[in-house]
Structures are given as C-alpha cells and as structure tokens.
C-alpha cells in the first residue's frame, strides 16, 4: 500500500540507531512488524490463564502424565 506520512525527524534518527534498516520505508516496516509481534505476545500472555483454566476443565477427571500447565507450555512453544 502506498501512503505518505509525516515522520518526526528526531524519532527517525533515534530509531535508526537501533535498526539495521537502510531506508525510512524499511524502518517503518520493521517498526510495524515489531509492534505486531509485541502486541500478539501480550495478548497471548493475557489469555494464558484463561486457556489454562479451560484446559483444566476440559481434562477434569482424566489421569495425565503431564500437568495441564506443561501441556499448554508445550503447545505454546510449538507455535
């Protein structure tokens, strides 16, 4: 998508110190990817307790070799 945006020059200079991007476009794309990754990790962590509770309810009465927390952790690591 093509767009024109007015960027803060000082913020661009500071961001370039932390980035390997050579262009402003590359810098903006890296920033967007980082934002998506960070927010998706935040969401995943926020829902961890809910997912763990749902799994424990689903598995109530079953005898497992691993705890539900270990199962969720293994599932999370495979994603």
PDB file of N, CA and C in Angstrom:
ATOM      1  N   UNK A   1       0.846  -1.167   0.000  1.00  0.00           N
ATOM      2  CA  UNK A   1       0.000   0.000   0.000  1.00  0.00           C
ATOM      3  C   UNK A   1       0.895   1.234   0.000  1.00  0.00           C
ATOM      4  N   UNK A   2       0.571   2.140  -0.834  1.00  0.00           N
ATOM      5  CA  UNK A   2       1.352   3.362  -0.930  1.00  0.00           C
ATOM      6  C   UNK A   2       0.664   4.444  -0.115  1.00  0.00           C
ATOM      7  N   UNK A   3       1.467   5.155   0.698  1.00  0.00           N
ATOM      8  CA  UNK A   3       0.916   6.238   1.501  1.00  0.00           C
ATOM      9  C   UNK A   3       2.009   7.255   1.799  1.00  0.00           C
ATOM     10  N   UNK A   4       1.608   8.436   2.119  1.00  0.00           N
ATOM     11  CA  UNK A   4       2.544   9.490   2.521  1.00  0.00           C
ATOM     12  C   UNK A   4       2.263   9.831   3.971  1.00  0.00           C
ATOM     13  N   UNK A   5       3.325   9.850   4.780  1.00  0.00           N
ATOM     14  CA  UNK A   5       3.167  10.211   6.182  1.00  0.00           C
ATOM     15  C   UNK A   5       4.268  11.172   6.578  1.00  0.00           C
ATOM     16  N   UNK A   6       3.959  12.029   7.531  1.00  0.00           N
ATOM     17  CA  UNK A   6       4.917  12.987   8.053  1.00  0.00           C
ATOM     18  C   UNK A   6       5.535  12.368   9.301  1.00  0.00           C
ATOM     19  N   UNK A   7       6.850  12.081   9.251  1.00  0.00           N
ATOM     20  CA  UNK A   7       7.529  11.421  10.353  1.00  0.00           C
ATOM     21  C   UNK A   7       8.384  12.406  11.126  1.00  0.00           C
ATOM     22  N   UNK A   8       8.463  12.223  12.416  1.00  0.00           N
ATOM     23  CA  UNK A   8       9.285  13.045  13.296  1.00  0.00           C
ATOM     24  C   UNK A   8      10.753  12.734  13.009  1.00  0.00           C
ATOM     25  N   UNK A   9      11.499  13.720  12.533  1.00  0.00           N
ATOM     26  CA  UNK A   9      12.904  13.507  12.159  1.00  0.00           C
ATOM     27  C   UNK A   9      13.751  13.020  13.333  1.00  0.00           C
ATOM     28  N   UNK A  10      13.539  13.567  14.506  1.00  0.00           N
ATOM     29  CA  UNK A  10      14.316  13.143  15.681  1.00  0.00           C
ATOM     30  C   UNK A  10      13.996  11.690  16.043  1.00  0.00           C
ATOM     31  N   UNK A  11      12.741  11.309  15.951  1.00  0.00           N
ATOM     32  CA  UNK A  11      12.346   9.935  16.236  1.00  0.00           C
ATOM     33  C   UNK A  11      12.949   8.973  15.209  1.00  0.00           C
ATOM     34  N   UNK A  12      12.992   9.381  13.952  1.00  0.00           N
ATOM     35  CA  UNK A  12      13.609   8.565  12.899  1.00  0.00           C
ATOM     36  C   UNK A  12      15.095   8.382  13.181  1.00  0.00           C
ATOM     37  N   UNK A  13      15.788   9.454  13.562  1.00  0.00           N
ATOM     38  CA  UNK A  13      17.218   9.358  13.876  1.00  0.00           C
ATOM     39  C   UNK A  13      17.453   8.398  15.042  1.00  0.00           C
ATOM     40  N   UNK A  14      16.637   8.513  16.069  1.00  0.00           N
ATOM     41  CA  UNK A  14      16.788   7.635  17.225  1.00  0.00           C
ATOM     42  C   UNK A  14      16.491   6.178  16.855  1.00  0.00           C
ATOM     43  N   UNK A  15      15.442   5.955  16.082  1.00  0.00           N
ATOM     44  CA  UNK A  15      15.077   4.598  15.673  1.00  0.00           C
ATOM     45  C   UNK A  15      16.175   3.970  14.820  1.00  0.00           C
ATOM     46  N   UNK A  16      16.812   4.760  13.990  1.00  0.00           N
ATOM     47  CA  UNK A  16      17.889   4.232  13.125  1.00  0.00           C
ATOM     48  C   UNK A  16      19.074   3.727  13.928  1.00  0.00           C
ATOM     49  N   UNK A  17      19.262   4.271  15.137  1.00  0.00           N
ATOM     50  CA  UNK A  17      20.357   3.798  15.982  1.00  0.00           C
ATOM     51  C   UNK A  17      20.122   2.353  16.417  1.00  0.00           C
ATOM     52  N   UNK A  18      18.859   1.933  16.486  1.00  0.00           N
ATOM     53  CA  UNK A  18      18.514   0.586  16.950  1.00  0.00           C
ATOM     54  C   UNK A  18      18.191  -0.372  15.810  1.00  0.00           C
ATOM     55  N   UNK A  19      18.208   0.119  14.606  1.00  0.00           N
ATOM     56  CA  UNK A  19      17.763  -0.687  13.472  1.00  0.00           C
ATOM     57  C   UNK A  19      18.879  -0.872  12.457  1.00  0.00           C
ATOM     58  N   UNK A  20      18.761  -1.954  11.688  1.00  0.00           N
ATOM     59  CA  UNK A  20      19.677  -2.173  10.580  1.00  0.00           C
ATOM     60  C   UNK A  20      19.061  -1.716   9.265  1.00  0.00           C
ATOM     61  N   UNK A  21      17.841  -1.209   9.322  1.00  0.00           N
ATOM     62  CA  UNK A  21      17.160  -0.746   8.119  1.00  0.00           C
ATOM     63  C   UNK A  21      17.940   0.414   7.504  1.00  0.00           C
ATOM     64  N   UNK A  22      18.011   0.407   6.189  1.00  0.00           N
ATOM     65  CA  UNK A  22      18.766   1.454   5.497  1.00  0.00           C
ATOM     66  C   UNK A  22      17.870   2.576   4.973  1.00  0.00           C
ATOM     67  N   UNK A  23      16.572   2.303   4.910  1.00  0.00           N
ATOM     68  CA  UNK A  23      15.649   3.313   4.382  1.00  0.00           C
ATOM     69  C   UNK A  23      14.560   3.592   5.405  1.00  0.00           C
ATOM     70  N   UNK A  24      13.881   4.711   5.221  1.00  0.00           N
ATOM     71  CA  UNK A  24      12.749   5.020   6.095  1.00  0.00           C
ATOM     72  C   UNK A  24      11.654   3.977   5.927  1.00  0.00           C
ATOM     73  N   UNK A  25      11.453   3.535   4.705  1.00  0.00           N
ATOM     74  CA  UNK A  25      10.448   2.500   4.463  1.00  0.00           C
ATOM     75  C   UNK A  25      10.788   1.234   5.254  1.00  0.00           C
ATOM     76  N   UNK A  26      12.038   0.816   5.187  1.00  0.00           N
ATOM     77  CA  UNK A  26      12.472  -0.362   5.924  1.00  0.00           C
ATOM     78  C   UNK A  26      12.305  -0.179   7.421  1.00  0.00           C
ATOM     79  N   UNK A  27      12.594   1.026   7.887  1.00  0.00           N
ATOM     80  CA  UNK A  27      12.458   1.339   9.301  1.00  0.00           C
ATOM     81  C   UNK A  27      10.994   1.258   9.740  1.00  0.00           C
ATOM     82  N   UNK A  28      10.100   1.822   8.946  1.00  0.00           N
ATOM     83  CA  UNK A  28       8.665   1.779   9.263  1.00  0.00           C
ATOM     84  C   UNK A  28       8.160   0.339   9.219  1.00  0.00           C
ATOM     85  N   UNK A  29       8.578  -0.446   8.229  1.00  0.00           N
ATOM     86  CA  UNK A  29       8.149  -1.842   8.149  1.00  0.00           C
ATOM     87  C   UNK A  29       8.651  -2.633   9.357  1.00  0.00           C
ATOM     88  N   UNK A  30       9.888  -2.401   9.755  1.00  0.00           N
ATOM     89  CA  UNK A  30      10.426  -3.086  10.938  1.00  0.00           C
ATOM     90  C   UNK A  30       9.638  -2.700  12.184  1.00  0.00           C
ATOM     91  N   UNK A  31       9.322  -1.425  12.302  1.00  0.00           N
ATOM     92  CA  UNK A  31       8.550  -0.954  13.456  1.00  0.00           C
ATOM     93  C   UNK A  31       7.166  -1.591  13.485  1.00  0.00           C
ATOM     94  N   UNK A  32       6.523  -1.702  12.328  1.00  0.00           N
ATOM     95  CA  UNK A  32       5.206  -2.324  12.278  1.00  0.00           C
ATOM     96  C   UNK A  32       5.272  -3.807  12.628  1.00  0.00           C
ATOM     97  N   UNK A  33       6.273  -4.503  12.104  1.00  0.00           N
ATOM     98  CA  UNK A  33       6.444  -5.931  12.440  1.00  0.00           C
ATOM     99  C   UNK A  33       6.685  -6.107  13.943  1.00  0.00           C
ATOM    100  N   UNK A  34       7.507  -5.234  14.504  1.00  0.00           N
ATOM    101  CA  UNK A  34       7.797  -5.308  15.932  1.00  0.00           C
ATOM    102  C   UNK A  34       6.536  -5.049  16.752  1.00  0.00           C
ATOM    103  N   UNK A  35       5.748  -4.074  16.359  1.00  0.00           N
ATOM    104  CA  UNK A  35       4.501  -3.779  17.053  1.00  0.00           C
ATOM    105  C   UNK A  35       3.562  -4.984  17.028  1.00  0.00           C
ATOM    106  N   UNK A  36       3.404  -5.593  15.868  1.00  0.00           N
ATOM    107  CA  UNK A  36       2.530  -6.756  15.740  1.00  0.00           C
ATOM    108  C   UNK A  36       3.031  -7.900  16.613  1.00  0.00           C
ATOM    109  N   UNK A  37       4.325  -8.163  16.599  1.00  0.00           N
ATOM    110  CA  UNK A  37       4.889  -9.250  17.398  1.00  0.00           C
ATOM    111  C   UNK A  37       4.695  -9.001  18.889  1.00  0.00           C
ATOM    112  N   UNK A  38       5.008  -7.794  19.332  1.00  0.00           N
ATOM    113  CA  UNK A  38       4.903  -7.460  20.758  1.00  0.00           C
ATOM    114  C   UNK A  38       3.459  -7.546  21.223  1.00  0.00           C
ATOM    115  N   UNK A  39       2.541  -6.977  20.447  1.00  0.00           N
ATOM    116  CA  UNK A  39       1.134  -6.993  20.869  1.00  0.00           C
ATOM    117  C   UNK A  39       0.540  -8.390  20.836  1.00  0.00           C
ATOM    118  N   UNK A  40       0.941  -9.215  19.870  1.00  0.00           N
ATOM    119  CA  UNK A  40       0.412 -10.581  19.835  1.00  0.00           C
ATOM    120  C   UNK A  40       0.954 -11.380  21.016  1.00  0.00           C
ATOM    121  N   UNK A  41       2.208 -11.150  21.398  1.00  0.00           N
ATOM    122  CA  UNK A  41       2.760 -11.808  22.589  1.00  0.00           C
ATOM    123  C   UNK A  41       2.043 -11.337  23.847  1.00  0.00           C
ATOM    124  N   UNK A  42       1.738 -10.053  23.931  1.00  0.00           N
ATOM    125  CA  UNK A  42       0.994  -9.528  25.080  1.00  0.00           C
ATOM    126  C   UNK A  42      -0.378 -10.190  25.170  1.00  0.00           C
ATOM    127  N   UNK A  43      -1.047 -10.301  24.045  1.00  0.00           N
ATOM    128  CA  UNK A  43      -2.380 -10.917  24.018  1.00  0.00           C
ATOM    129  C   UNK A  43      -2.295 -12.377  24.432  1.00  0.00           C
ATOM    130  N   UNK A  44      -1.288 -13.079  23.922  1.00  0.00           N
ATOM    131  CA  UNK A  44      -1.126 -14.490  24.269  1.00  0.00           C
ATOM    132  C   UNK A  44      -0.884 -14.650  25.765  1.00  0.00           C
ATOM    133  N   UNK A  45      -0.027 -13.805  26.330  1.00  0.00           N
ATOM    134  CA  UNK A  45       0.221 -13.881  27.773  1.00  0.00           C
ATOM    135  C   UNK A  45      -1.023 -13.531  28.571  1.00  0.00           C
ATOM    136  N   UNK A  46      -1.789 -12.563  28.109  1.00  0.00           N
ATOM    137  CA  UNK A  46      -3.003 -12.148  28.813  1.00  0.00           C
ATOM    138  C   UNK A  46      -4.051 -13.255  28.820  1.00  0.00           C
ATOM    139  N   UNK A  47      -4.091 -14.070  27.787  1.00  0.00           N
ATOM    140  CA  UNK A  47      -5.104 -15.117  27.714  1.00  0.00           C
ATOM    141  C   UNK A  47      -4.594 -16.453  28.229  1.00  0.00           C
ATOM    142  N   UNK A  48      -3.350 -16.519  28.660  1.00  0.00           N
ATOM    143  CA  UNK A  48      -2.755 -17.781  29.124  1.00  0.00           C
ATOM    144  C   UNK A  48      -3.570 -18.384  30.267  1.00  0.00           C
ATOM    145  N   UNK A  49      -3.892 -17.585  31.265  1.00  0.00           N
ATOM    146  CA  UNK A  49      -4.635 -18.090  32.422  1.00  0.00           C
ATOM    147  C   UNK A  49      -6.002 -18.615  32.007  1.00  0.00           C
ATOM    148  N   UNK A  50      -6.676 -17.905  31.116  1.00  0.00           N
ATOM    149  CA  UNK A  50      -7.984 -18.365  30.625  1.00  0.00           C
ATOM    150  C   UNK A  50      -7.850 -19.688  29.876  1.00  0.00           C
ATOM    151  N   UNK A  51      -6.841 -19.788  29.012  1.00  0.00           N
ATOM    152  CA  UNK A  51      -6.635 -21.022  28.255  1.00  0.00           C
ATOM    153  C   UNK A  51      -6.271 -22.185  29.174  1.00  0.00           C
ATOM    154  N   UNK A  52      -5.477 -21.904  30.194  1.00  0.00           N
ATOM    155  CA  UNK A  52      -5.098 -22.945  31.137  1.00  0.00           C
ATOM    156  C   UNK A  52      -6.320 -23.429  31.915  1.00  0.00           C
ATOM    157  N   UNK A  53      -7.173 -22.513  32.365  1.00  0.00           N
ATOM    158  CA  UNK A  53      -8.391 -22.889  33.079  1.00  0.00           C
ATOM    159  C   UNK A  53      -9.317 -23.722  32.211  1.00  0.00           C
ATOM    160  N   UNK A  54      -9.464 -23.324  30.948  1.00  0.00           N
ATOM    161  CA  UNK A  54     -10.308 -24.080  30.026  1.00  0.00           C
ATOM    162  C   UNK A  54      -9.764 -25.488  29.821  1.00  0.00           C
ATOM    163  N   UNK A  55      -8.461 -25.596  29.711  1.00  0.00           N
ATOM    164  CA  UNK A  55      -7.851 -26.907  29.540  1.00  0.00           C
ATOM    165  C   UNK A  55      -8.053 -27.772  30.783  1.00  0.00           C
ATOM    166  N   UNK A  56      -7.884 -27.177  31.961  1.00  0.00           N
ATOM    167  CA  UNK A  56      -8.079 -27.933  33.201  1.00  0.00           C
ATOM    168  C   UNK A  56      -9.518 -28.431  33.318  1.00  0.00           C
ATOM    169  N   UNK A  57     -10.499 -27.591  32.966  1.00  0.00           N
ATOM    170  CA  UNK A  57     -11.907 -28.022  32.995  1.00  0.00           C
ATOM    171  C   UNK A  57     -12.156 -29.134  31.992  1.00  0.00           C
ATOM    172  N   UNK A  58     -11.567 -29.003  30.817  1.00  0.00           N
ATOM    173  CA  UNK A  58     -11.754 -29.995  29.766  1.00  0.00           C
ATOM    174  C   UNK A  58     -11.162 -31.358  30.166  1.00  0.00           C
ATOM    175  N   UNK A  59     -10.066 -31.305  30.901  1.00  0.00           N
ATOM    176  CA  UNK A  59      -9.360 -32.533  31.248  1.00  0.00           C
ATOM    177  C   UNK A  59      -9.697 -33.043  32.653  1.00  0.00           C
ATOM    178  N   UNK A  60     -10.652 -32.417  33.315  1.00  0.00           N
ATOM    179  CA  UNK A  60     -11.016 -32.838  34.681  1.00  0.00           C
ATOM    180  C   UNK A  60     -11.400 -34.317  34.668  1.00  0.00           C
ATOM    181  N   UNK A  61     -10.864 -35.044  35.605  1.00  0.00           N
ATOM    182  CA  UNK A  61     -11.177 -36.457  35.717  1.00  0.00           C
ATOM    183  C   UNK A  61     -10.247 -37.361  34.937  1.00  0.00           C
ATOM    184  N   UNK A  62      -9.463 -36.816  34.048  1.00  0.00           N
ATOM    185  CA  UNK A  62      -8.506 -37.635  33.306  1.00  0.00           C
ATOM    186  C   UNK A  62      -7.194 -37.734  34.073  1.00  0.00           C
ATOM    187  N   UNK A  63      -6.542 -38.846  33.951  1.00  0.00           N
ATOM    188  CA  UNK A  63      -5.231 -39.011  34.568  1.00  0.00           C
ATOM    189  C   UNK A  63      -4.194 -38.732  33.485  1.00  0.00           C
ATOM    190  N   UNK A  64      -3.363 -37.728  33.746  1.00  0.00           N
ATOM    191  CA  UNK A  64      -2.364 -37.299  32.771  1.00  0.00           C
ATOM    192  C   UNK A  64      -0.963 -37.551  33.304  1.00  0.00           C
ATOM    193  N   UNK A  65      -0.053 -37.809  32.406  1.00  0.00           N
ATOM    194  CA  UNK A  65       1.348 -37.945  32.786  1.00  0.00           C
ATOM    195  C   UNK A  65       1.982 -36.577  33.007  1.00  0.00           C
ATOM    196  N   UNK A  66       1.484 -35.559  32.287  1.00  0.00           N
ATOM    197  CA  UNK A  66       1.975 -34.191  32.425  1.00  0.00           C
ATOM    198  C   UNK A  66       0.862 -33.328  32.986  1.00  0.00           C
ATOM    199  N   UNK A  67       1.238 -32.239  33.663  1.00  0.00           N
ATOM    200  CA  UNK A  67       0.237 -31.312  34.185  1.00  0.00           C
ATOM    201  C   UNK A  67      -0.342 -30.499  33.030  1.00  0.00           C
ATOM    202  N   UNK A  68      -1.569 -29.990  33.196  1.00  0.00           N
ATOM    203  CA  UNK A  68      -2.144 -29.139  32.146  1.00  0.00           C
ATOM    204  C   UNK A  68      -1.254 -27.935  31.813  1.00  0.00           C
ATOM    205  N   UNK A  69      -0.606 -27.382  32.831  1.00  0.00           N
ATOM    206  CA  UNK A  69       0.287 -26.238  32.586  1.00  0.00           C
ATOM    207  C   UNK A  69       1.432 -26.646  31.660  1.00  0.00           C
ATOM    208  N   UNK A  70       1.976 -27.839  31.859  1.00  0.00           N
ATOM    209  CA  UNK A  70       3.051 -28.321  30.985  1.00  0.00           C
ATOM    210  C   UNK A  70       2.544 -28.526  29.566  1.00  0.00           C
ATOM    211  N   UNK A  71       1.327 -29.042  29.434  1.00  0.00           N
ATOM    212  CA  UNK A  71       0.753 -29.249  28.095  1.00  0.00           C
ATOM    213  C   UNK A  71       0.565 -27.930  27.356  1.00  0.00           C
ATOM    214  N   UNK A  72       0.057 -26.922  28.071  1.00  0.00           N
ATOM    215  CA  UNK A  72      -0.142 -25.601  27.454  1.00  0.00           C
ATOM    216  C   UNK A  72       1.209 -25.007  27.087  1.00  0.00           C
ATOM    217  N   UNK A  73       2.188 -25.149  27.960  1.00  0.00           N
ATOM    218  CA  UNK A  73       3.523 -24.617  27.688  1.00  0.00           C
ATOM    219  C   UNK A  73       4.113 -25.267  26.438  1.00  0.00           C
ATOM    220  N   UNK A  74       3.955 -26.583  26.321  1.00  0.00           N
ATOM    221  CA  UNK A  74       4.456 -27.285  25.137  1.00  0.00           C
ATOM    222  C   UNK A  74       3.736 -26.807  23.882  1.00  0.00           C
ATOM    223  N   UNK A  75       2.427 -26.610  23.992  1.00  0.00           N
ATOM    224  CA  UNK A  75       1.646 -26.121  22.854  1.00  0.00           C
ATOM    225  C   UNK A  75       2.116 -24.729  22.447  1.00  0.00           C
ATOM    226  N   UNK A  76       2.347 -23.881  23.443  1.00  0.00           N
ATOM    227  CA  UNK A  76       2.789 -22.505  23.164  1.00  0.00           C
ATOM    228  C   UNK A  76       4.144 -22.507  22.482  1.00  0.00           C
ATOM    229  N   UNK A  77       5.018 -23.389  22.875  1.00  0.00           N
ATOM    230  CA  UNK A  77       6.363 -23.436  22.286  1.00  0.00           C
ATOM    231  C   UNK A  77       6.361 -23.922  20.853  1.00  0.00           C
ATOM    232  N   UNK A  78       5.329 -24.669  20.453  1.00  0.00           N
ATOM    233  CA  UNK A  78       5.261 -25.162  19.082  1.00  0.00           C
ATOM    234  C   UNK A  78       4.686 -24.137  18.116  1.00  0.00           C
ATOM    235  N   UNK A  79       4.136 -23.064  18.624  1.00  0.00           N
ATOM    236  CA  UNK A  79       3.536 -22.034  17.759  1.00  0.00           C
ATOM    237  C   UNK A  79       4.538 -21.052  17.296  1.00  0.00           C
TER     238      UNK A  79
END
